[in-house]
Amino acid sequence: MHRRAWLMGHGMALARLAGLAAITEGVRAQPATAAEPWPSRALHLIVAYPPGGVSDETARALAQFMGARLKVPVIVENRAGAGGLTALESLARAAPDGHTLAYCAISPLVFGPPAPSPGSAPAGRTDFPLRDVVPVVSLMDTPVLVLAHPSFKPRDFRAMLAAARAAPGRLRWATSGHATVGHMVLAQVRAAAGVDIIHVPYKGGGQQLTDAIGGQFELLSSNVASQQLQLVRQGRLKALAIGSPVRLPVLPEVPTLAELGFPEANLVSTFGLFAPRGVPEERLRLLNAVVNEALRQPELRARMLEVSNLPTGGSAADFAARIAKERERALRVPPD
């Protein structure tokens, strides 16, 4: 898929997001004040992914802790689609009172089309309106596995590249969606290796894994989670590479993409909590503190570390700086 097609694939969602400031103008004209009792009702946590994956499991564990700590229910709603844009679009429409939050990877903010120069933007190209959402806290970094169906004859990553060169356009590589980290891993590998591999985007990881087991495609990139690791141990999928700073203790034989000569593809997925812009700072600070407290709980940390997800945490400023740094790096990534 060429760059124009990639941009068009996001254009409609991004255009809707660009217009959210006008849609929500009436709400934002009367922002909440810190003096109002808060939280005064149940919190609404929008999860940008389908039920059942590691992101959903982590979000629900976090919601349970937040509910106990803030003494209100936290209602989780899965709203998958467009690599996280659907959830963030929903969040941007919400009243800026702190009662609506979103759990999402930073990829929609990082890998969206760059802001156009005044008067020179190609049709359909727009920037993600970061003005409508704000980062609250980083939650975890998740390594990215490159997997293959066991019937795929090449035994390792280099043999896979050789097969791709021998048969351009025949290999299919599935990801959890456009503009996700898995998609960017594929884009970087294709550009660096000069291979023609077909991208097969999904709306999340659940159906992607089901189809992978069924042999609907040869390759996939998927965040590390207990289900993926179990499928590798059972021989129902085979691991070719990992996007991670170091090899994983649970898969010591699987090389990192950096080791294989693809440092720019050696990416991890970073997840965090977001709020609509305009939420009083006192509420954002409380939310940040509660999530950092949750990440210090041994049970939650153990659950995350068991499947090689690294708890992060830190300040909202730290999280915003991480997003800005990754976005700067992503401008050098060749898209589909």
C-alpha atoms as a PDB file:
ATOM      1  CA  MET A   1       0.000   0.000   0.000  1.00  0.00           C
ATOM      2  CA  HIS A   2       1.453   3.360  -0.999  1.00  0.00           C
ATOM      3  CA  ARG A   3       1.821   6.467   1.160  1.00  0.00           C
ATOM      4  CA  ARG A   4      -1.277   8.106  -0.355  1.00  0.00           C
ATOM      5  CA  ALA A   5      -3.418   5.084   0.481  1.00  0.00           C
ATOM      6  CA  TRP A   6      -2.042   5.045   4.020  1.00  0.00           C
ATOM      7  CA  LEU A   7      -2.948   8.672   4.494  1.00  0.00           C
ATOM      8  CA  MET A   8      -6.414   8.186   3.019  1.00  0.00           C
ATOM      9  CA  GLY A   9      -6.951   5.274   5.397  1.00  0.00           C
ATOM     10  CA  HIS A  10      -6.609   7.709   8.291  1.00  0.00           C
ATOM     11  CA  GLY A  11      -7.915  10.830   6.648  1.00  0.00           C
ATOM     12  CA  MET A  12     -11.560  10.489   7.579  1.00  0.00           C
ATOM     13  CA  ALA A  13     -10.902   9.631  11.219  1.00  0.00           C
ATOM     14  CA  LEU A  14      -8.310  12.370  11.543  1.00  0.00           C
ATOM     15  CA  ALA A  15     -10.572  14.898   9.856  1.00  0.00           C
ATOM     16  CA  ARG A  16     -13.335  14.064  12.328  1.00  0.00           C
ATOM     17  CA  LEU A  17     -10.865  14.558  15.154  1.00  0.00           C
ATOM     18  CA  ALA A  18      -9.744  17.884  13.722  1.00  0.00           C
ATOM     19  CA  GLY A  19     -13.330  19.114  13.934  1.00  0.00           C
ATOM     20  CA  LEU A  20     -13.913  18.064  17.523  1.00  0.00           C
ATOM     21  CA  ALA A  21     -12.952  21.442  18.937  1.00  0.00           C
ATOM     22  CA  ALA A  22     -15.977  22.954  17.183  1.00  0.00           C
ATOM     23  CA  ILE A  23     -18.240  20.085  18.215  1.00  0.00           C
ATOM     24  CA  THR A  24     -17.283  20.427  21.869  1.00  0.00           C
ATOM     25  CA  GLU A  25     -17.047  24.219  21.974  1.00  0.00           C
ATOM     26  CA  GLY A  26     -20.208  24.537  24.029  1.00  0.00           C
ATOM     27  CA  VAL A  27     -18.962  22.016  26.593  1.00  0.00           C
ATOM     28  CA  ARG A  28     -15.524  23.571  26.872  1.00  0.00           C
ATOM     29  CA  ALA A  29     -17.028  27.020  27.362  1.00  0.00           C
ATOM     30  CA  GLN A  30     -18.055  25.874  30.846  1.00  0.00           C
ATOM     31  CA  PRO A  31     -15.115  23.835  32.153  1.00  0.00           C
ATOM     32  CA  ALA A  32     -15.250  22.037  35.471  1.00  0.00           C
ATOM     33  CA  THR A  33     -13.655  23.745  38.437  1.00  0.00           C
ATOM     34  CA  ALA A  34     -11.389  22.077  40.932  1.00  0.00           C
ATOM     35  CA  ALA A  35     -13.637  23.237  43.788  1.00  0.00           C
ATOM     36  CA  GLU A  36     -16.494  20.984  42.646  1.00  0.00           C
ATOM     37  CA  PRO A  37     -16.705  17.598  44.439  1.00  0.00           C
ATOM     38  CA  TRP A  38     -14.829  15.007  42.417  1.00  0.00           C
ATOM     39  CA  PRO A  39     -15.384  12.316  41.459  1.00  0.00           C
ATOM     40  CA  SER A  40     -19.101  12.911  41.862  1.00  0.00           C
ATOM     41  CA  ARG A  41     -20.209   9.849  39.878  1.00  0.00           C
ATOM     42  CA  ALA A  42     -18.854   6.757  38.160  1.00  0.00           C
ATOM     43  CA  LEU A  43     -15.795   7.143  35.966  1.00  0.00           C
ATOM     44  CA  HIS A  44     -15.965   6.007  32.338  1.00  0.00           C
ATOM     45  CA  LEU A  45     -12.791   4.321  31.044  1.00  0.00           C
ATOM     46  CA  ILE A  46     -12.709   3.896  27.262  1.00  0.00           C
ATOM     47  CA  VAL A  47     -10.376   1.073  26.245  1.00  0.00           C
ATOM     48  CA  ALA A  48      -9.083   1.402  22.699  1.00  0.00           C
ATOM     49  CA  TYR A  49      -8.932  -2.378  22.115  1.00  0.00           C
ATOM     50  CA  PRO A  50     -11.280  -5.368  21.975  1.00  0.00           C
ATOM     51  CA  PRO A  51     -11.934  -7.498  25.079  1.00  0.00           C
ATOM     52  CA  GLY A  52      -9.591 -10.327  25.969  1.00  0.00           C
ATOM     53  CA  GLY A  53      -6.129  -9.007  25.127  1.00  0.00           C
ATOM     54  CA  VAL A  54      -3.361  -7.918  27.479  1.00  0.00           C
ATOM     55  CA  SER A  55      -4.374  -4.270  27.091  1.00  0.00           C
ATOM     56  CA  ASP A  56      -7.952  -5.004  28.082  1.00  0.00           C
ATOM     57  CA  GLU A  57      -6.854  -7.149  31.033  1.00  0.00           C
ATOM     58  CA  THR A  58      -4.486  -4.452  32.308  1.00  0.00           C
ATOM     59  CA  ALA A  59      -7.092  -1.723  31.855  1.00  0.00           C
ATOM     60  CA  ARG A  60      -9.685  -3.702  33.828  1.00  0.00           C
ATOM     61  CA  ALA A  61      -7.237  -4.396  36.657  1.00  0.00           C
ATOM     62  CA  LEU A  62      -6.406  -0.699  36.743  1.00  0.00           C
ATOM     63  CA  ALA A  63     -10.103   0.229  36.724  1.00  0.00           C
ATOM     64  CA  GLN A  64     -10.732  -2.028  39.707  1.00  0.00           C
ATOM     65  CA  PHE A  65      -7.940  -0.386  41.697  1.00  0.00           C
ATOM     66  CA  MET A  66      -9.019   3.129  40.726  1.00  0.00           C
ATOM     67  CA  GLY A  67     -12.599   2.402  41.729  1.00  0.00           C
ATOM     68  CA  ALA A  68     -11.529   1.202  45.170  1.00  0.00           C
ATOM     69  CA  ARG A  69      -9.155   4.126  45.639  1.00  0.00           C
ATOM     70  CA  LEU A  70     -11.566   6.855  44.443  1.00  0.00           C
ATOM     71  CA  LYS A  71     -14.657   5.169  45.943  1.00  0.00           C
ATOM     72  CA  VAL A  72     -16.720   5.266  42.745  1.00  0.00           C
ATOM     73  CA  PRO A  73     -17.390   2.602  40.098  1.00  0.00           C
ATOM     74  CA  VAL A  74     -15.162   2.671  37.015  1.00  0.00           C
ATOM     75  CA  ILE A  75     -17.117   1.510  33.982  1.00  0.00           C
ATOM     76  CA  VAL A  76     -14.965   0.010  31.225  1.00  0.00           C
ATOM     77  CA  GLU A  77     -16.077   0.342  27.617  1.00  0.00           C
ATOM     78  CA  ASN A  78     -14.151  -1.316  24.786  1.00  0.00           C
ATOM     79  CA  ARG A  79     -14.171   0.926  21.743  1.00  0.00           C
ATOM     80  CA  ALA A  80     -11.708  -0.504  19.221  1.00  0.00           C
ATOM     81  CA  GLY A  81     -10.919   0.775  15.774  1.00  0.00           C
ATOM     82  CA  ALA A  82      -8.529   2.855  13.663  1.00  0.00           C
ATOM     83  CA  GLY A  83      -5.527   1.866  15.772  1.00  0.00           C
ATOM     84  CA  GLY A  84      -6.878   3.733  18.809  1.00  0.00           C
ATOM     85  CA  LEU A  85      -8.250   6.805  17.019  1.00  0.00           C
ATOM     86  CA  THR A  86     -11.848   5.712  17.593  1.00  0.00           C
ATOM     87  CA  ALA A  87     -11.378   5.703  21.363  1.00  0.00           C
ATOM     88  CA  LEU A  88      -9.518   9.006  21.426  1.00  0.00           C
ATOM     89  CA  GLU A  89     -12.163  10.605  19.232  1.00  0.00           C
ATOM     90  CA  SER A  90     -14.772   9.516  21.783  1.00  0.00           C
ATOM     91  CA  LEU A  91     -12.647  10.886  24.607  1.00  0.00           C
ATOM     92  CA  ALA A  92     -12.213  14.239  22.889  1.00  0.00           C
ATOM     93  CA  ARG A  93     -16.011  14.649  22.762  1.00  0.00           C
ATOM     94  CA  ALA A  94     -16.389  14.107  26.524  1.00  0.00           C
ATOM     95  CA  ALA A  95     -16.890  16.855  29.051  1.00  0.00           C
ATOM     96  CA  PRO A  96     -13.528  17.977  30.500  1.00  0.00           C
ATOM     97  CA  ASP A  97     -14.425  17.137  34.089  1.00  0.00           C
ATOM     98  CA  GLY A  98     -12.222  14.082  34.646  1.00  0.00           C
ATOM     99  CA  HIS A  99     -15.052  11.556  34.681  1.00  0.00           C
ATOM    100  CA  THR A 100     -14.160  10.190  31.226  1.00  0.00           C
ATOM    101  CA  LEU A 101     -10.716   8.770  30.465  1.00  0.00           C
ATOM    102  CA  ALA A 102      -9.154   6.590  27.780  1.00  0.00           C
ATOM    103  CA  TYR A 103      -6.625   3.771  27.922  1.00  0.00           C
ATOM    104  CA  CYS A 104      -4.682   3.710  24.673  1.00  0.00           C
ATOM    105  CA  ALA A 105      -1.250   3.216  23.163  1.00  0.00           C
ATOM    106  CA  ILE A 106       0.597   6.353  22.133  1.00  0.00           C
ATOM    107  CA  SER A 107       0.740   5.153  18.518  1.00  0.00           C
ATOM    108  CA  PRO A 108      -2.220   7.264  17.251  1.00  0.00           C
ATOM    109  CA  LEU A 109      -0.410  10.359  18.516  1.00  0.00           C
ATOM    110  CA  VAL A 110       3.010   9.217  17.346  1.00  0.00           C
ATOM    111  CA  PHE A 111       2.331   7.635  13.959  1.00  0.00           C
ATOM    112  CA  GLY A 112      -0.457   9.843  12.644  1.00  0.00           C
ATOM    113  CA  PRO A 113       0.387  11.922   9.546  1.00  0.00           C
ATOM    114  CA  PRO A 114       2.645  14.865  10.391  1.00  0.00           C
ATOM    115  CA  ALA A 115       1.309  18.399  10.540  1.00  0.00           C
ATOM    116  CA  PRO A 116       1.285  20.044   7.100  1.00  0.00           C
ATOM    117  CA  SER A 117       3.194  23.190   6.282  1.00  0.00           C
ATOM    118  CA  PRO A 118       0.854  26.176   5.797  1.00  0.00           C
ATOM    119  CA  GLY A 119      -0.437  26.262   2.247  1.00  0.00           C
ATOM    120  CA  SER A 120       1.381  23.092   1.196  1.00  0.00           C
ATOM    121  CA  ALA A 121      -0.581  20.194   2.726  1.00  0.00           C
ATOM    122  CA  PRO A 122      -1.616  17.374   0.392  1.00  0.00           C
ATOM    123  CA  ALA A 123      -5.342  16.720   0.251  1.00  0.00           C
ATOM    124  CA  GLY A 124      -6.645  14.772   3.228  1.00  0.00           C
ATOM    125  CA  ARG A 125      -3.538  15.299   5.324  1.00  0.00           C
ATOM    126  CA  THR A 126      -3.976  16.683   8.820  1.00  0.00           C
ATOM    127  CA  ASP A 127      -2.381  16.471  12.226  1.00  0.00           C
ATOM    128  CA  PHE A 128      -3.901  14.620  15.156  1.00  0.00           C
ATOM    129  CA  PRO A 129      -5.469  17.333  17.326  1.00  0.00           C
ATOM    130  CA  LEU A 130      -3.455  16.847  20.475  1.00  0.00           C
ATOM    131  CA  ARG A 131      -5.188  20.033  21.638  1.00  0.00           C
ATOM    132  CA  ASP A 132      -8.274  17.889  22.363  1.00  0.00           C
ATOM    133  CA  VAL A 133      -6.661  15.240  24.603  1.00  0.00           C
ATOM    134  CA  VAL A 134      -3.906  15.321  27.214  1.00  0.00           C
ATOM    135  CA  PRO A 135      -1.616  12.556  28.531  1.00  0.00           C
ATOM    136  CA  VAL A 136      -2.212  11.738  32.204  1.00  0.00           C
ATOM    137  CA  VAL A 137       0.286   8.972  32.928  1.00  0.00           C
ATOM    138  CA  SER A 138       2.276   6.270  31.158  1.00  0.00           C
ATOM    139  CA  LEU A 139       1.280   2.744  32.198  1.00  0.00           C
ATOM    140  CA  MET A 140       3.498   0.155  30.532  1.00  0.00           C
ATOM    141  CA  ASP A 141       5.871  -0.711  27.709  1.00  0.00           C
ATOM    142  CA  THR A 142       5.078  -3.907  25.831  1.00  0.00           C
ATOM    143  CA  PRO A 143       7.541  -5.753  23.536  1.00  0.00           C
ATOM    144  CA  VAL A 144       6.337  -6.672  20.053  1.00  0.00           C
ATOM    145  CA  LEU A 145       6.697 -10.229  18.747  1.00  0.00           C
ATOM    146  CA  VAL A 146       7.120 -11.103  15.076  1.00  0.00           C
ATOM    147  CA  LEU A 147       5.425 -14.487  14.688  1.00  0.00           C
ATOM    148  CA  ALA A 148       4.781 -17.009  11.937  1.00  0.00           C
ATOM    149  CA  HIS A 149       2.409 -19.898  11.391  1.00  0.00           C
ATOM    150  CA  PRO A 150       4.204 -23.229  12.000  1.00  0.00           C
ATOM    151  CA  SER A 151       3.523 -24.285   8.395  1.00  0.00           C
ATOM    152  CA  PHE A 152       5.666 -21.384   7.179  1.00  0.00           C
ATOM    153  CA  LYS A 153       8.862 -23.098   5.996  1.00  0.00           C
ATOM    154  CA  PRO A 154      11.510 -20.444   6.768  1.00  0.00           C
ATOM    155  CA  ARG A 155      12.862 -21.221  10.222  1.00  0.00           C
ATOM    156  CA  ASP A 156      14.104 -17.776  11.245  1.00  0.00           C
ATOM    157  CA  PHE A 157      13.808 -14.067  10.449  1.00  0.00           C
ATOM    158  CA  ARG A 158      16.602 -13.955   7.865  1.00  0.00           C
ATOM    159  CA  ALA A 159      15.143 -16.954   6.030  1.00  0.00           C
ATOM    160  CA  MET A 160      11.785 -15.156   6.035  1.00  0.00           C
ATOM    161  CA  LEU A 161      13.373 -12.150   4.322  1.00  0.00           C
ATOM    162  CA  ALA A 162      14.952 -14.433   1.747  1.00  0.00           C
ATOM    163  CA  ALA A 163      11.542 -15.959   1.037  1.00  0.00           C
ATOM    164  CA  ALA A 164      10.020 -12.478   0.691  1.00  0.00           C
ATOM    165  CA  ARG A 165      12.685 -11.468  -1.832  1.00  0.00           C
ATOM    166  CA  ALA A 166      12.176 -14.676  -3.786  1.00  0.00           C
ATOM    167  CA  ALA A 167       8.405 -14.129  -4.053  1.00  0.00           C
ATOM    168  CA  PRO A 168       7.563 -10.394  -3.948  1.00  0.00           C
ATOM    169  CA  GLY A 169       4.015  -9.629  -2.827  1.00  0.00           C
ATOM    170  CA  ARG A 170       3.203 -13.192  -1.761  1.00  0.00           C
ATOM    171  CA  LEU A 171       3.861 -13.070   1.997  1.00  0.00           C
ATOM    172  CA  ARG A 172       1.138 -11.574   4.203  1.00  0.00           C
ATOM    173  CA  TRP A 173       1.912  -9.853   7.519  1.00  0.00           C
ATOM    174  CA  ALA A 174      -1.001  -9.098   9.852  1.00  0.00           C
ATOM    175  CA  THR A 175      -1.056  -6.335  12.472  1.00  0.00           C
ATOM    176  CA  SER A 176      -3.632  -5.051  14.947  1.00  0.00           C
ATOM    177  CA  GLY A 177      -4.316  -2.060  12.712  1.00  0.00           C
ATOM    178  CA  HIS A 178      -3.011   0.852  10.664  1.00  0.00           C
ATOM    179  CA  ALA A 179      -0.653   3.233  12.497  1.00  0.00           C
ATOM    180  CA  THR A 180      -0.004   0.770  15.317  1.00  0.00           C
ATOM    181  CA  VAL A 181       3.472  -0.157  16.495  1.00  0.00           C
ATOM    182  CA  GLY A 182       3.163  -3.575  14.842  1.00  0.00           C
ATOM    183  CA  HIS A 183       2.390  -1.826  11.564  1.00  0.00           C
ATOM    184  CA  MET A 184       5.427   0.424  11.980  1.00  0.00           C
ATOM    185  CA  VAL A 185       7.640  -2.605  12.664  1.00  0.00           C
ATOM    186  CA  LEU A 186       6.496  -4.029   9.333  1.00  0.00           C
ATOM    187  CA  ALA A 187       6.986  -0.691   7.537  1.00  0.00           C
ATOM    188  CA  GLN A 188      10.526  -0.344   8.861  1.00  0.00           C
ATOM    189  CA  VAL A 189      11.452  -3.925   7.977  1.00  0.00           C
ATOM    190  CA  ARG A 190      10.094  -3.549   4.456  1.00  0.00           C
ATOM    191  CA  ALA A 191      11.944  -0.277   3.899  1.00  0.00           C
ATOM    192  CA  ALA A 192      15.256  -1.423   5.370  1.00  0.00           C
ATOM    193  CA  ALA A 193      15.240  -4.854   3.731  1.00  0.00           C
ATOM    194  CA  GLY A 194      13.702  -3.753   0.427  1.00  0.00           C
ATOM    195  CA  VAL A 195      11.064  -6.485   0.497  1.00  0.00           C
ATOM    196  CA  ASP A 196       7.466  -6.492  -0.762  1.00  0.00           C
ATOM    197  CA  ILE A 197       5.253  -7.948   1.999  1.00  0.00           C
ATOM    198  CA  ILE A 198       1.476  -7.419   2.080  1.00  0.00           C
ATOM    199  CA  HIS A 199       0.034  -5.663   5.143  1.00  0.00           C
ATOM    200  CA  VAL A 200      -3.135  -7.227   6.603  1.00  0.00           C
ATOM    201  CA  PRO A 201      -4.598  -4.786   9.198  1.00  0.00           C
ATOM    202  CA  TYR A 202      -7.051  -5.893  11.911  1.00  0.00           C
ATOM    203  CA  LYS A 203      -9.054  -3.887  14.464  1.00  0.00           C
ATOM    204  CA  GLY A 204      -7.267  -5.431  17.414  1.00  0.00           C
ATOM    205  CA  GLY A 205      -5.340  -8.468  18.542  1.00  0.00           C
ATOM    206  CA  GLY A 206      -8.097 -11.013  19.333  1.00  0.00           C
ATOM    207  CA  GLN A 207      -9.333 -11.894  15.837  1.00  0.00           C
ATOM    208  CA  GLN A 208      -5.823 -11.455  14.506  1.00  0.00           C
ATOM    209  CA  LEU A 209      -4.573 -14.285  16.735  1.00  0.00           C
ATOM    210  CA  THR A 210      -7.515 -16.542  15.859  1.00  0.00           C
ATOM    211  CA  ASP A 211      -6.809 -16.109  12.155  1.00  0.00           C
ATOM    212  CA  ALA A 212      -3.072 -16.560  12.713  1.00  0.00           C
ATOM    213  CA  ILE A 213      -3.650 -19.963  14.293  1.00  0.00           C
ATOM    214  CA  GLY A 214      -5.932 -20.835  11.383  1.00  0.00           C
ATOM    215  CA  GLY A 215      -3.194 -20.037   8.871  1.00  0.00           C
ATOM    216  CA  GLN A 216      -4.984 -17.106   7.216  1.00  0.00           C
ATOM    217  CA  PHE A 217      -1.606 -15.392   6.688  1.00  0.00           C
ATOM    218  CA  GLU A 218       2.048 -16.260   7.121  1.00  0.00           C
ATOM    219  CA  LEU A 219       3.301 -13.567   9.530  1.00  0.00           C
ATOM    220  CA  LEU A 220       2.055 -11.208  12.207  1.00  0.00           C
ATOM    221  CA  SER A 221       3.323  -8.697  14.719  1.00  0.00           C
ATOM    222  CA  SER A 222       1.643  -8.833  18.108  1.00  0.00           C
ATOM    223  CA  ASN A 223       2.227  -7.373  21.551  1.00  0.00           C
ATOM    224  CA  VAL A 224       3.643  -9.870  24.032  1.00  0.00           C
ATOM    225  CA  ALA A 225       0.946 -11.382  26.253  1.00  0.00           C
ATOM    226  CA  SER A 226       0.244 -14.658  28.021  1.00  0.00           C
ATOM    227  CA  GLN A 227      -1.803 -16.046  25.131  1.00  0.00           C
ATOM    228  CA  GLN A 228       0.898 -15.337  22.553  1.00  0.00           C
ATOM    229  CA  LEU A 229       3.589 -16.872  24.744  1.00  0.00           C
ATOM    230  CA  GLN A 230       1.466 -19.962  25.341  1.00  0.00           C
ATOM    231  CA  LEU A 231       0.858 -20.402  21.606  1.00  0.00           C
ATOM    232  CA  VAL A 232       4.607 -20.220  20.989  1.00  0.00           C
ATOM    233  CA  ARG A 233       5.290 -22.794  23.717  1.00  0.00           C
ATOM    234  CA  GLN A 234       2.643 -25.096  22.244  1.00  0.00           C
ATOM    235  CA  GLY A 235       4.166 -24.807  18.782  1.00  0.00           C
ATOM    236  CA  ARG A 236       0.995 -23.291  17.324  1.00  0.00           C
ATOM    237  CA  LEU A 237       2.952 -20.154  16.382  1.00  0.00           C
ATOM    238  CA  LYS A 238       6.699 -19.657  16.064  1.00  0.00           C
ATOM    239  CA  ALA A 239       8.582 -16.559  17.167  1.00  0.00           C
ATOM    240  CA  LEU A 240      11.026 -15.084  14.639  1.00  0.00           C
ATOM    241  CA  ALA A 241      12.017 -11.824  16.339  1.00  0.00           C
ATOM    242  CA  ILE A 242      11.151  -9.429  19.150  1.00  0.00           C
ATOM    243  CA  GLY A 243      10.956  -5.654  19.382  1.00  0.00           C
ATOM    244  CA  SER A 244      12.575  -5.082  22.780  1.00  0.00           C
ATOM    245  CA  PRO A 245      15.692  -3.461  24.294  1.00  0.00           C
ATOM    246  CA  VAL A 246      16.955  -6.948  25.252  1.00  0.00           C
ATOM    247  CA  ARG A 247      15.957 -10.567  24.655  1.00  0.00           C
ATOM    248  CA  LEU A 248      13.092 -11.742  26.832  1.00  0.00           C
ATOM    249  CA  PRO A 249      13.896 -14.217  29.632  1.00  0.00           C
ATOM    250  CA  VAL A 250      10.801 -16.204  28.611  1.00  0.00           C
ATOM    251  CA  LEU A 251      12.053 -16.463  24.989  1.00  0.00           C
ATOM    252  CA  PRO A 252      15.842 -16.341  25.295  1.00  0.00           C
ATOM    253  CA  GLU A 253      16.400 -17.905  21.873  1.00  0.00           C
ATOM    254  CA  VAL A 254      14.449 -15.175  20.024  1.00  0.00           C
ATOM    255  CA  PRO A 255      16.688 -12.318  18.808  1.00  0.00           C
ATOM    256  CA  THR A 256      15.724  -8.659  18.986  1.00  0.00           C
ATOM    257  CA  LEU A 257      15.175  -6.787  15.746  1.00  0.00           C
ATOM    258  CA  ALA A 258      18.177  -4.639  16.646  1.00  0.00           C
ATOM    259  CA  GLU A 259      20.354  -7.746  16.808  1.00  0.00           C
ATOM    260  CA  LEU A 260      19.082  -8.749  13.379  1.00  0.00           C
ATOM    261  CA  GLY A 261      20.157  -5.417  11.897  1.00  0.00           C
ATOM    262  CA  PHE A 262      16.871  -3.495  12.136  1.00  0.00           C
ATOM    263  CA  PRO A 263      17.357  -1.000  14.995  1.00  0.00           C
ATOM    264  CA  GLU A 264      14.639   1.373  13.747  1.00  0.00           C
ATOM    265  CA  ALA A 265      12.134  -1.500  13.743  1.00  0.00           C
ATOM    266  CA  ASN A 266      13.070  -2.499  17.286  1.00  0.00           C
ATOM    267  CA  LEU A 267       9.971  -0.861  18.777  1.00  0.00           C
ATOM    268  CA  VAL A 268       7.826  -1.410  21.872  1.00  0.00           C
ATOM    269  CA  SER A 269       4.194  -0.407  22.442  1.00  0.00           C
ATOM    270  CA  THR A 270       3.733   2.256  25.119  1.00  0.00           C
ATOM    271  CA  PHE A 271       0.307   2.466  26.776  1.00  0.00           C
ATOM    272  CA  GLY A 272      -1.105   5.184  28.955  1.00  0.00           C
ATOM    273  CA  LEU A 273      -4.088   7.055  30.319  1.00  0.00           C
ATOM    274  CA  PHE A 274      -5.504  10.127  28.557  1.00  0.00           C
ATOM    275  CA  ALA A 275      -8.106  12.775  29.455  1.00  0.00           C
ATOM    276  CA  PRO A 276      -9.964  15.468  27.507  1.00  0.00           C
ATOM    277  CA  ARG A 277      -8.128  18.776  27.456  1.00  0.00           C
ATOM    278  CA  GLY A 278      -9.552  21.196  30.010  1.00  0.00           C
ATOM    279  CA  VAL A 279      -9.750  18.882  33.035  1.00  0.00           C
ATOM    280  CA  PRO A 280      -8.619  20.846  36.116  1.00  0.00           C
ATOM    281  CA  GLU A 281      -4.973  20.259  36.954  1.00  0.00           C
ATOM    282  CA  GLU A 282      -5.797  19.117  40.491  1.00  0.00           C
ATOM    283  CA  ARG A 283      -7.872  16.250  39.109  1.00  0.00           C
ATOM    284  CA  LEU A 284      -5.206  15.266  36.608  1.00  0.00           C
ATOM    285  CA  ARG A 285      -2.623  15.205  39.398  1.00  0.00           C
ATOM    286  CA  LEU A 286      -4.886  13.007  41.534  1.00  0.00           C
ATOM    287  CA  LEU A 287      -5.452  10.603  38.638  1.00  0.00           C
ATOM    288  CA  ASN A 288      -1.719  10.479  37.997  1.00  0.00           C
ATOM    289  CA  ALA A 289      -1.035   9.738  41.664  1.00  0.00           C
ATOM    290  CA  VAL A 290      -3.673   6.986  41.815  1.00  0.00           C
ATOM    291  CA  VAL A 291      -2.290   5.230  38.717  1.00  0.00           C
ATOM    292  CA  ASN A 292       1.279   5.473  40.004  1.00  0.00           C
ATOM    293  CA  GLU A 293       0.061   3.949  43.268  1.00  0.00           C
ATOM    294  CA  ALA A 294      -1.614   1.140  41.312  1.00  0.00           C
ATOM    295  CA  LEU A 295       1.623   0.425  39.433  1.00  0.00           C
ATOM    296  CA  ARG A 296       3.407  -0.041  42.762  1.00  0.00           C
ATOM    297  CA  GLN A 297       1.003  -2.793  43.848  1.00  0.00           C
ATOM    298  CA  PRO A 298       2.840  -6.150  43.846  1.00  0.00           C
ATOM    299  CA  GLU A 299      -0.098  -8.080  42.379  1.00  0.00           C
ATOM    300  CA  LEU A 300      -0.550  -5.790  39.374  1.00  0.00           C
ATOM    301  CA  ARG A 301       3.200  -5.505  38.780  1.00  0.00           C
ATOM    302  CA  ALA A 302       3.591  -9.287  38.932  1.00  0.00           C
ATOM    303  CA  ARG A 303       0.747  -9.770  36.465  1.00  0.00           C
ATOM    304  CA  MET A 304       2.383  -7.370  34.007  1.00  0.00           C
ATOM    305  CA  LEU A 305       5.944  -8.604  34.434  1.00  0.00           C
ATOM    306  CA  GLU A 306       4.845 -12.232  34.067  1.00  0.00           C
ATOM    307  CA  VAL A 307       4.214 -11.571  30.371  1.00  0.00           C
ATOM    308  CA  SER A 308       7.193  -9.189  29.968  1.00  0.00           C
ATOM    309  CA  ASN A 309       5.183  -5.973  30.160  1.00  0.00           C
ATOM    310  CA  LEU A 310       7.223  -3.306  31.943  1.00  0.00           C
ATOM    311  CA  PRO A 311       5.265  -1.002  34.310  1.00  0.00           C
ATOM    312  CA  THR A 312       6.266   2.617  33.699  1.00  0.00           C
ATOM    313  CA  GLY A 313       4.397   5.399  35.542  1.00  0.00           C
ATOM    314  CA  GLY A 314       5.879   8.827  36.199  1.00  0.00           C
ATOM    315  CA  SER A 315       4.560  12.341  35.739  1.00  0.00           C
ATOM    316  CA  ALA A 316       2.263  13.639  33.015  1.00  0.00           C
ATOM    317  CA  ALA A 317       5.150  15.812  31.811  1.00  0.00           C
ATOM    318  CA  ASP A 318       7.344  12.710  31.467  1.00  0.00           C
ATOM    319  CA  PHE A 319       4.646  11.011  29.416  1.00  0.00           C
ATOM    320  CA  ALA A 320       4.145  14.042  27.159  1.00  0.00           C
ATOM    321  CA  ALA A 321       7.906  14.252  26.561  1.00  0.00           C
ATOM    322  CA  ARG A 322       7.994  10.550  25.630  1.00  0.00           C
ATOM    323  CA  ILE A 323       5.206  11.051  23.087  1.00  0.00           C
ATOM    324  CA  ALA A 324       6.977  14.071  21.573  1.00  0.00           C
ATOM    325  CA  LYS A 325      10.262  12.173  21.321  1.00  0.00           C
ATOM    326  CA  GLU A 326       8.663   9.144  19.670  1.00  0.00           C
ATOM    327  CA  ARG A 327       6.718  11.359  17.263  1.00  0.00           C
ATOM    328  CA  GLU A 328       9.931  13.060  16.187  1.00  0.00           C
ATOM    329  CA  ARG A 329      11.451   9.642  15.535  1.00  0.00           C
ATOM    330  CA  ALA A 330       8.347   8.439  13.709  1.00  0.00           C
ATOM    331  CA  LEU A 331       8.584  11.214  11.132  1.00  0.00           C
ATOM    332  CA  ARG A 332      11.507   9.247   9.696  1.00  0.00           C
ATOM    333  CA  VAL A 333       9.475   6.007   9.451  1.00  0.00           C
ATOM    334  CA  PRO A 334       8.327   5.148   5.900  1.00  0.00           C
ATOM    335  CA  PRO A 335       4.548   4.506   6.090  1.00  0.00           C
ATOM    336  CA  ASP A 336       2.565   2.128   3.889  1.00  0.00           C
END
